[in-house]
N, C-alpha and C. Protein backbone atom coordinates (compact mmCIF):
# COMPACT_ATOMS: atom_id res chain seq x y z
N MET A 1 171.26 90.86 -146.36
CA MET A 1 170.64 92.10 -146.79
C MET A 1 169.17 92.08 -146.34
N LEU A 2 168.75 93.15 -145.71
CA LEU A 2 167.40 93.26 -145.18
C LEU A 2 166.42 93.89 -146.16
N ILE A 3 166.93 94.69 -147.05
CA ILE A 3 166.05 95.37 -147.99
C ILE A 3 165.95 94.57 -149.29
N VAL A 4 164.93 94.86 -150.05
CA VAL A 4 164.73 94.22 -151.36
C VAL A 4 165.04 95.27 -152.43
N LYS A 5 166.15 95.05 -153.12
CA LYS A 5 166.61 96.04 -154.11
C LYS A 5 165.55 96.34 -155.17
N SER A 6 164.86 95.32 -155.62
CA SER A 6 163.87 95.54 -156.68
C SER A 6 162.74 96.45 -156.21
N LYS A 7 162.38 96.36 -154.93
CA LYS A 7 161.32 97.22 -154.39
C LYS A 7 161.80 98.67 -154.28
N VAL A 8 163.08 98.84 -153.94
CA VAL A 8 163.65 100.20 -153.88
C VAL A 8 163.68 100.78 -155.29
N GLN A 9 164.10 99.98 -156.26
CA GLN A 9 164.14 100.43 -157.65
C GLN A 9 162.74 100.78 -158.15
N GLU A 10 161.78 99.97 -157.79
CA GLU A 10 160.39 100.20 -158.19
C GLU A 10 159.89 101.55 -157.63
N PHE A 11 160.17 101.79 -156.35
CA PHE A 11 159.79 103.05 -155.71
C PHE A 11 160.47 104.23 -156.41
N ALA A 12 161.75 104.09 -156.66
CA ALA A 12 162.51 105.16 -157.31
C ALA A 12 161.94 105.46 -158.70
N LYS A 13 161.66 104.41 -159.44
CA LYS A 13 161.14 104.59 -160.80
C LYS A 13 159.80 105.32 -160.78
N LYS A 14 158.93 104.95 -159.81
CA LYS A 14 157.63 105.60 -159.68
C LYS A 14 157.77 107.10 -159.42
N HIS A 15 158.85 107.47 -158.77
CA HIS A 15 159.06 108.87 -158.40
C HIS A 15 160.09 109.54 -159.31
N ASP A 16 160.32 108.92 -160.47
CA ASP A 16 161.23 109.46 -161.48
C ASP A 16 162.62 109.72 -160.91
N LEU A 17 163.13 108.74 -160.16
CA LEU A 17 164.46 108.83 -159.55
C LEU A 17 165.33 107.69 -160.02
N MET A 18 166.63 107.87 -159.83
CA MET A 18 167.59 106.81 -160.09
C MET A 18 168.23 106.44 -158.76
N VAL A 19 168.81 105.24 -158.68
CA VAL A 19 169.41 104.77 -157.44
C VAL A 19 170.89 104.45 -157.69
N ALA A 20 171.76 105.09 -156.91
CA ALA A 20 173.20 104.80 -157.00
C ALA A 20 173.45 103.41 -156.41
N SER A 21 174.41 102.72 -156.94
CA SER A 21 174.66 101.34 -156.50
C SER A 21 175.04 101.25 -155.02
N ASP A 22 175.69 102.28 -154.48
CA ASP A 22 176.08 102.22 -153.07
C ASP A 22 174.94 102.63 -152.13
N PHE A 23 173.82 103.10 -152.67
CA PHE A 23 172.68 103.48 -151.85
C PHE A 23 172.10 102.29 -151.11
N TYR A 24 172.06 101.13 -151.76
CA TYR A 24 171.45 99.95 -151.16
C TYR A 24 172.15 99.54 -149.86
N ASP A 25 173.47 99.53 -149.87
CA ASP A 25 174.22 99.18 -148.66
C ASP A 25 173.98 100.19 -147.55
N ALA A 26 173.95 101.47 -147.90
CA ALA A 26 173.71 102.52 -146.91
C ALA A 26 172.30 102.39 -146.33
N LEU A 27 171.33 102.13 -147.18
CA LEU A 27 169.95 101.96 -146.72
C LEU A 27 169.83 100.73 -145.83
N ASP A 28 170.49 99.67 -146.22
CA ASP A 28 170.46 98.44 -145.44
C ASP A 28 171.04 98.67 -144.04
N ARG A 29 172.12 99.43 -143.94
CA ARG A 29 172.73 99.75 -142.64
C ARG A 29 171.76 100.55 -141.78
N GLU A 30 171.07 101.51 -142.40
CA GLU A 30 170.11 102.34 -141.67
C GLU A 30 168.97 101.48 -141.13
N VAL A 31 168.47 100.58 -141.94
CA VAL A 31 167.38 99.69 -141.52
C VAL A 31 167.86 98.80 -140.37
N GLU A 32 169.07 98.26 -140.51
CA GLU A 32 169.62 97.42 -139.44
C GLU A 32 169.76 98.21 -138.14
N ASN A 33 170.22 99.44 -138.22
CA ASN A 33 170.35 100.28 -137.03
C ASN A 33 169.00 100.55 -136.39
N LEU A 34 167.98 100.79 -137.20
CA LEU A 34 166.62 100.98 -136.68
C LEU A 34 166.13 99.74 -135.93
N ILE A 35 166.36 98.59 -136.52
CA ILE A 35 165.93 97.34 -135.89
C ILE A 35 166.70 97.08 -134.60
N LYS A 36 168.00 97.33 -134.61
CA LYS A 36 168.80 97.15 -133.39
C LYS A 36 168.32 98.06 -132.27
N ALA A 37 168.03 99.31 -132.60
CA ALA A 37 167.54 100.26 -131.59
C ALA A 37 166.18 99.81 -131.06
N ALA A 38 165.32 99.34 -131.95
CA ALA A 38 164.01 98.84 -131.53
C ALA A 38 164.15 97.61 -130.65
N ALA A 39 165.08 96.75 -130.99
CA ALA A 39 165.32 95.54 -130.19
C ALA A 39 165.82 95.91 -128.79
N LYS A 40 166.67 96.92 -128.72
CA LYS A 40 167.19 97.37 -127.43
C LYS A 40 166.04 97.89 -126.56
N ARG A 41 165.16 98.68 -127.16
CA ARG A 41 164.00 99.21 -126.42
C ARG A 41 163.08 98.07 -125.98
N THR A 42 162.88 97.11 -126.87
CA THR A 42 162.04 95.96 -126.56
C THR A 42 162.59 95.22 -125.35
N GLY A 43 163.89 94.96 -125.35
CA GLY A 43 164.53 94.28 -124.24
C GLY A 43 164.46 95.07 -122.95
N ALA A 44 164.63 96.38 -123.06
CA ALA A 44 164.57 97.25 -121.88
C ALA A 44 163.18 97.22 -121.24
N ASN A 45 162.17 96.95 -122.05
CA ASN A 45 160.80 96.86 -121.55
C ASN A 45 160.40 95.42 -121.23
N LYS A 46 161.40 94.54 -121.17
CA LYS A 46 161.21 93.13 -120.83
C LYS A 46 160.19 92.44 -121.74
N ARG A 47 160.29 92.73 -123.02
CA ARG A 47 159.45 92.10 -124.03
C ARG A 47 160.34 91.40 -125.04
N LYS A 48 159.75 90.54 -125.83
CA LYS A 48 160.49 89.90 -126.92
C LYS A 48 159.85 90.19 -128.27
N THR A 49 158.78 90.97 -128.25
CA THR A 49 158.08 91.29 -129.49
C THR A 49 158.36 92.73 -129.89
N LEU A 50 158.91 92.90 -131.09
CA LEU A 50 159.11 94.24 -131.63
C LEU A 50 157.76 94.83 -131.99
N LYS A 51 157.54 96.07 -131.57
CA LYS A 51 156.27 96.73 -131.84
C LYS A 51 156.56 98.06 -132.54
N PRO A 52 155.57 98.59 -133.26
CA PRO A 52 155.79 99.83 -134.00
C PRO A 52 156.35 100.96 -133.15
N TYR A 53 155.89 101.08 -131.92
CA TYR A 53 156.36 102.20 -131.09
C TYR A 53 157.78 102.02 -130.61
N ASP A 54 158.40 100.87 -130.86
CA ASP A 54 159.82 100.67 -130.54
C ASP A 54 160.71 101.43 -131.53
N LEU A 55 160.14 101.79 -132.65
CA LEU A 55 160.90 102.56 -133.64
C LEU A 55 161.01 104.00 -133.20
């Protein structure tokens, strides 16, 4: 798991929201997809360092 559930819960609580139990897995998949896409761009540019603009 790439995300920290307690941090998501903390954010939600600050914004007067609740978090469904299946939200964490969905969010984790989205984050993983973002990182994979950034890694692909990084490789295409012949780099090994992920940079903000790869997102």
